[in-house]
């Protein structure tokens, strides 16, 4: 799965499928979003936090993370 990473003015990171643009809901909740990268995620994943992100993406078009959690996840993928 290809995911795009956005940062928000609210201090959160927002992940969404690469083919999506930020939704009105995500920008309303977290302020303007700025794209700052992307990641290719091979499934299945064993990491509990990645599992939570994927579960969030099944419920809505984006997943929200604290910056430290996003940094840890992205470092684990590389």
N, C-alpha and C. Protein backbone atom coordinates (compact mmCIF):
# COMPACT_ATOMS: atom_id res chain seq x y z
N UNK A 1 0.84 -1.17 0.00
CA UNK A 1 0.00 0.00 0.00
C UNK A 1 0.90 1.24 0.00
N UNK A 2 0.58 2.18 -0.86
CA UNK A 2 1.31 3.44 -0.93
C UNK A 2 0.54 4.50 -0.15
N UNK A 3 1.24 5.13 0.80
CA UNK A 3 0.63 6.12 1.67
C UNK A 3 1.34 7.46 1.53
N UNK A 4 0.57 8.53 1.60
CA UNK A 4 1.12 9.88 1.60
C UNK A 4 1.10 10.40 3.04
N UNK A 5 2.14 11.13 3.40
CA UNK A 5 2.26 11.70 4.73
C UNK A 5 2.11 13.21 4.65
N UNK A 6 1.24 13.74 5.49
CA UNK A 6 1.02 15.17 5.58
C UNK A 6 1.28 15.62 7.02
N UNK A 7 1.74 16.84 7.19
CA UNK A 7 1.85 17.43 8.51
C UNK A 7 0.77 18.50 8.65
N UNK A 8 0.36 18.71 9.90
CA UNK A 8 -0.69 19.69 10.14
C UNK A 8 -0.18 20.79 11.05
N UNK A 9 -0.89 21.91 11.03
CA UNK A 9 -0.54 23.01 11.91
C UNK A 9 -0.89 22.68 13.36
N UNK A 10 -1.68 21.63 13.57
CA UNK A 10 -2.06 21.20 14.92
C UNK A 10 -1.01 20.27 15.54
N UNK A 11 0.11 20.05 14.84
CA UNK A 11 1.17 19.22 15.39
C UNK A 11 0.96 17.73 15.19
N UNK A 12 0.12 17.35 14.29
CA UNK A 12 -0.14 15.95 14.01
C UNK A 12 0.34 15.60 12.61
N UNK A 13 0.52 14.29 12.39
CA UNK A 13 0.82 13.77 11.06
C UNK A 13 -0.40 13.00 10.59
N UNK A 14 -0.73 13.16 9.34
CA UNK A 14 -1.90 12.52 8.76
C UNK A 14 -1.43 11.65 7.61
N UNK A 15 -1.77 10.37 7.68
CA UNK A 15 -1.46 9.42 6.62
C UNK A 15 -2.74 9.10 5.87
N UNK A 16 -2.62 8.99 4.55
CA UNK A 16 -3.76 8.61 3.73
C UNK A 16 -3.24 7.90 2.49
N UNK A 17 -4.09 7.14 1.84
CA UNK A 17 -3.65 6.49 0.61
C UNK A 17 -3.08 7.51 -0.37
N UNK A 18 -2.05 7.12 -1.06
CA UNK A 18 -1.33 7.99 -2.00
C UNK A 18 -2.28 8.63 -3.01
N UNK A 19 -3.30 7.92 -3.43
CA UNK A 19 -4.20 8.41 -4.47
C UNK A 19 -5.24 9.41 -3.95
N UNK A 20 -5.26 9.67 -2.63
CA UNK A 20 -6.23 10.59 -2.03
C UNK A 20 -5.62 11.98 -1.85
N UNK A 21 -6.49 12.97 -1.84
CA UNK A 21 -6.13 14.31 -1.41
C UNK A 21 -6.70 14.50 -0.01
N UNK A 22 -6.19 15.44 0.76
CA UNK A 22 -6.74 15.66 2.10
C UNK A 22 -8.24 15.94 2.04
N UNK A 23 -8.96 15.29 2.91
CA UNK A 23 -10.41 15.47 2.94
C UNK A 23 -10.77 16.75 3.68
N UNK A 24 -11.97 17.22 3.44
CA UNK A 24 -12.47 18.40 4.16
C UNK A 24 -12.48 18.13 5.65
N UNK A 25 -12.86 16.92 6.04
CA UNK A 25 -12.90 16.55 7.46
C UNK A 25 -11.51 16.63 8.09
N UNK A 26 -10.49 16.09 7.41
CA UNK A 26 -9.15 16.11 7.99
C UNK A 26 -8.62 17.54 8.12
N UNK A 27 -8.88 18.38 7.15
CA UNK A 27 -8.41 19.76 7.24
C UNK A 27 -9.22 20.57 8.24
N UNK A 28 -10.48 20.26 8.40
CA UNK A 28 -11.30 20.94 9.40
C UNK A 28 -10.81 20.59 10.80
N UNK A 29 -10.46 19.33 11.01
CA UNK A 29 -10.01 18.88 12.34
C UNK A 29 -8.59 19.32 12.67
N UNK A 30 -7.69 19.28 11.70
CA UNK A 30 -6.26 19.45 11.97
C UNK A 30 -5.63 20.67 11.30
N UNK A 31 -6.42 21.46 10.62
CA UNK A 31 -5.89 22.66 9.96
C UNK A 31 -5.30 22.31 8.61
N UNK A 32 -4.73 23.30 7.95
CA UNK A 32 -4.14 23.06 6.63
C UNK A 32 -3.09 21.94 6.69
N UNK A 33 -3.13 21.06 5.72
CA UNK A 33 -2.19 19.94 5.66
C UNK A 33 -1.17 20.18 4.56
N UNK A 34 0.09 19.87 4.86
CA UNK A 34 1.18 20.02 3.90
C UNK A 34 1.83 18.66 3.65
N UNK A 35 1.86 18.27 2.41
CA UNK A 35 2.47 16.97 2.08
C UNK A 35 3.97 17.03 2.33
N UNK A 36 4.48 15.97 2.99
CA UNK A 36 5.92 15.98 3.28
C UNK A 36 6.59 14.65 2.95
N UNK A 37 5.87 13.71 2.36
CA UNK A 37 6.52 12.47 1.97
C UNK A 37 5.53 11.37 1.65
N UNK A 38 6.09 10.21 1.38
CA UNK A 38 5.27 9.03 1.09
C UNK A 38 6.04 7.79 1.52
N UNK A 39 5.31 6.71 1.63
CA UNK A 39 5.91 5.45 2.06
C UNK A 39 5.15 4.30 1.39
N UNK A 40 5.90 3.27 1.03
CA UNK A 40 5.28 2.04 0.51
C UNK A 40 5.29 1.02 1.64
N UNK A 41 4.13 0.54 2.00
CA UNK A 41 4.00 -0.40 3.11
C UNK A 41 3.65 -1.77 2.57
N UNK A 42 4.50 -2.75 2.87
CA UNK A 42 4.24 -4.13 2.49
C UNK A 42 3.34 -4.76 3.56
N UNK A 43 2.27 -5.38 3.14
CA UNK A 43 1.39 -6.06 4.09
C UNK A 43 1.63 -7.56 3.98
N UNK A 44 1.40 -8.34 4.99
CA UNK A 44 0.91 -7.97 6.32
C UNK A 44 2.01 -7.35 7.17
N UNK A 45 1.61 -6.59 8.17
CA UNK A 45 2.56 -5.93 9.06
C UNK A 45 2.40 -6.48 10.47
N UNK A 46 3.52 -6.60 11.18
CA UNK A 46 3.49 -7.12 12.54
C UNK A 46 3.43 -6.00 13.58
N UNK A 47 3.88 -4.80 13.22
CA UNK A 47 3.93 -3.68 14.15
C UNK A 47 2.52 -3.27 14.58
N UNK A 48 2.30 -3.17 15.87
CA UNK A 48 0.97 -2.85 16.41
C UNK A 48 0.51 -1.47 15.97
N UNK A 49 1.42 -0.50 15.95
CA UNK A 49 1.02 0.84 15.54
C UNK A 49 0.64 0.88 14.06
N UNK A 50 1.39 0.18 13.20
CA UNK A 50 1.00 0.11 11.79
C UNK A 50 -0.35 -0.58 11.65
N UNK A 51 -0.62 -1.60 12.47
CA UNK A 51 -1.92 -2.26 12.41
C UNK A 51 -3.04 -1.29 12.77
N UNK A 52 -2.78 -0.41 13.76
CA UNK A 52 -3.78 0.60 14.12
C UNK A 52 -4.01 1.57 12.98
N UNK A 53 -2.93 2.00 12.32
CA UNK A 53 -3.06 2.90 11.17
C UNK A 53 -3.91 2.26 10.09
N UNK A 54 -3.63 1.02 9.76
CA UNK A 54 -4.40 0.33 8.72
C UNK A 54 -5.87 0.16 9.12
N UNK A 55 -6.12 -0.12 10.39
CA UNK A 55 -7.51 -0.23 10.87
C UNK A 55 -8.22 1.12 10.75
N UNK A 56 -7.51 2.21 11.10
CA UNK A 56 -8.09 3.55 10.95
C UNK A 56 -8.43 3.83 9.49
N UNK A 57 -7.55 3.42 8.58
CA UNK A 57 -7.78 3.67 7.15
C UNK A 57 -8.95 2.85 6.59
N UNK A 58 -9.31 1.78 7.26
CA UNK A 58 -10.49 1.02 6.84
C UNK A 58 -11.77 1.72 7.26
N UNK A 59 -11.71 2.52 8.33
CA UNK A 59 -12.89 3.22 8.85
C UNK A 59 -13.10 4.60 8.22
N UNK A 60 -12.00 5.27 7.86
CA UNK A 60 -12.09 6.61 7.28
C UNK A 60 -10.91 6.81 6.33
N UNK A 61 -10.91 7.88 5.55
CA UNK A 61 -9.87 8.02 4.52
C UNK A 61 -8.51 8.51 5.02
N UNK A 62 -8.33 8.64 6.33
CA UNK A 62 -7.04 9.10 6.84
C UNK A 62 -6.81 8.55 8.25
N UNK A 63 -5.54 8.51 8.64
CA UNK A 63 -5.15 8.10 9.99
C UNK A 63 -4.28 9.22 10.57
N UNK A 64 -4.45 9.46 11.85
CA UNK A 64 -3.74 10.56 12.51
C UNK A 64 -2.75 10.01 13.52
N UNK A 65 -1.55 10.57 13.51
CA UNK A 65 -0.49 10.13 14.43
C UNK A 65 0.19 11.34 15.06
N UNK A 66 0.73 11.13 16.24
CA UNK A 66 1.64 12.13 16.80
C UNK A 66 2.92 12.08 15.97
N UNK A 67 3.64 13.19 15.93
CA UNK A 67 4.85 13.24 15.09
C UNK A 67 5.87 12.19 15.48
N UNK A 68 6.06 11.95 16.77
CA UNK A 68 7.04 10.94 17.20
C UNK A 68 6.64 9.55 16.73
N UNK A 69 5.33 9.23 16.77
CA UNK A 69 4.87 7.93 16.29
C UNK A 69 5.07 7.81 14.79
N UNK A 70 4.78 8.86 14.05
CA UNK A 70 4.97 8.84 12.60
C UNK A 70 6.45 8.65 12.26
N UNK A 71 7.31 9.35 12.97
CA UNK A 71 8.75 9.23 12.73
C UNK A 71 9.21 7.78 12.97
N UNK A 72 8.75 7.19 14.06
CA UNK A 72 9.13 5.81 14.38
C UNK A 72 8.65 4.84 13.31
N UNK A 73 7.43 5.01 12.86
CA UNK A 73 6.89 4.12 11.83
C UNK A 73 7.66 4.25 10.53
N UNK A 74 7.96 5.46 10.11
CA UNK A 74 8.64 5.66 8.85
C UNK A 74 10.08 5.16 8.90
N UNK A 75 10.73 5.30 10.05
CA UNK A 75 12.08 4.77 10.19
C UNK A 75 12.08 3.25 10.11
N UNK A 76 11.05 2.62 10.63
CA UNK A 76 10.96 1.15 10.62
C UNK A 76 10.77 0.61 9.21
N UNK A 77 10.11 1.39 8.33
CA UNK A 77 9.85 0.96 6.96
C UNK A 77 11.11 1.04 6.13
N UNK A 78 11.90 2.09 6.31
CA UNK A 78 13.12 2.28 5.53
C UNK A 78 14.09 1.25 5.92
